[in-house]
Amino acid sequence: QVQLVESGGRLVQAGGSLRLSCVASGRTINNYYLGWFRQAPGKEREFVAAINWNGGNTDYTDSVKGRFTISRNNAENTVYLHLTSLKPEDTAVYYCAAESGRFSYTGGRESSYRYWGQGTQVTVSS
């Protein structure tokens, strides 16, 4: 079992920046691919960004390309999401997710992720 705990969410003004962290415990996630998803009020959860086991492959949803950056530190069992140029429409609960498999990276396919964190709230004021 892998437990995921997100942190770093807070209230920020439009145009501001944040770094979200997600620390994994229970297992080393070196061979896991990792993703960030978000759910805004009244909307379904959506894919934001994903990264493969060694960071060599990343994917982003179109609305965050050029503004958000996903990265990982396998030595610290942690995945990060750096959010810049934030917009009010980025307001959501942000979840990290993990699934094992060096060669089974699926990017933004939500159904392929088995492990999920509880989420961290990001609120962007206009």
Foldseek 3Di string as FASTA:
>chain_A
DKAKAKDWADEAAAQAKTKMKIAIDDDQCLQKKKFKWWDDPPGDIFGAKIAANPRPDMDGDPVCPPFKDWDDDSVRRMIMIIGGSHDQVVWTWMKMFIDGHRPPDDMGPVVRTDYIYPTDTHGYHD
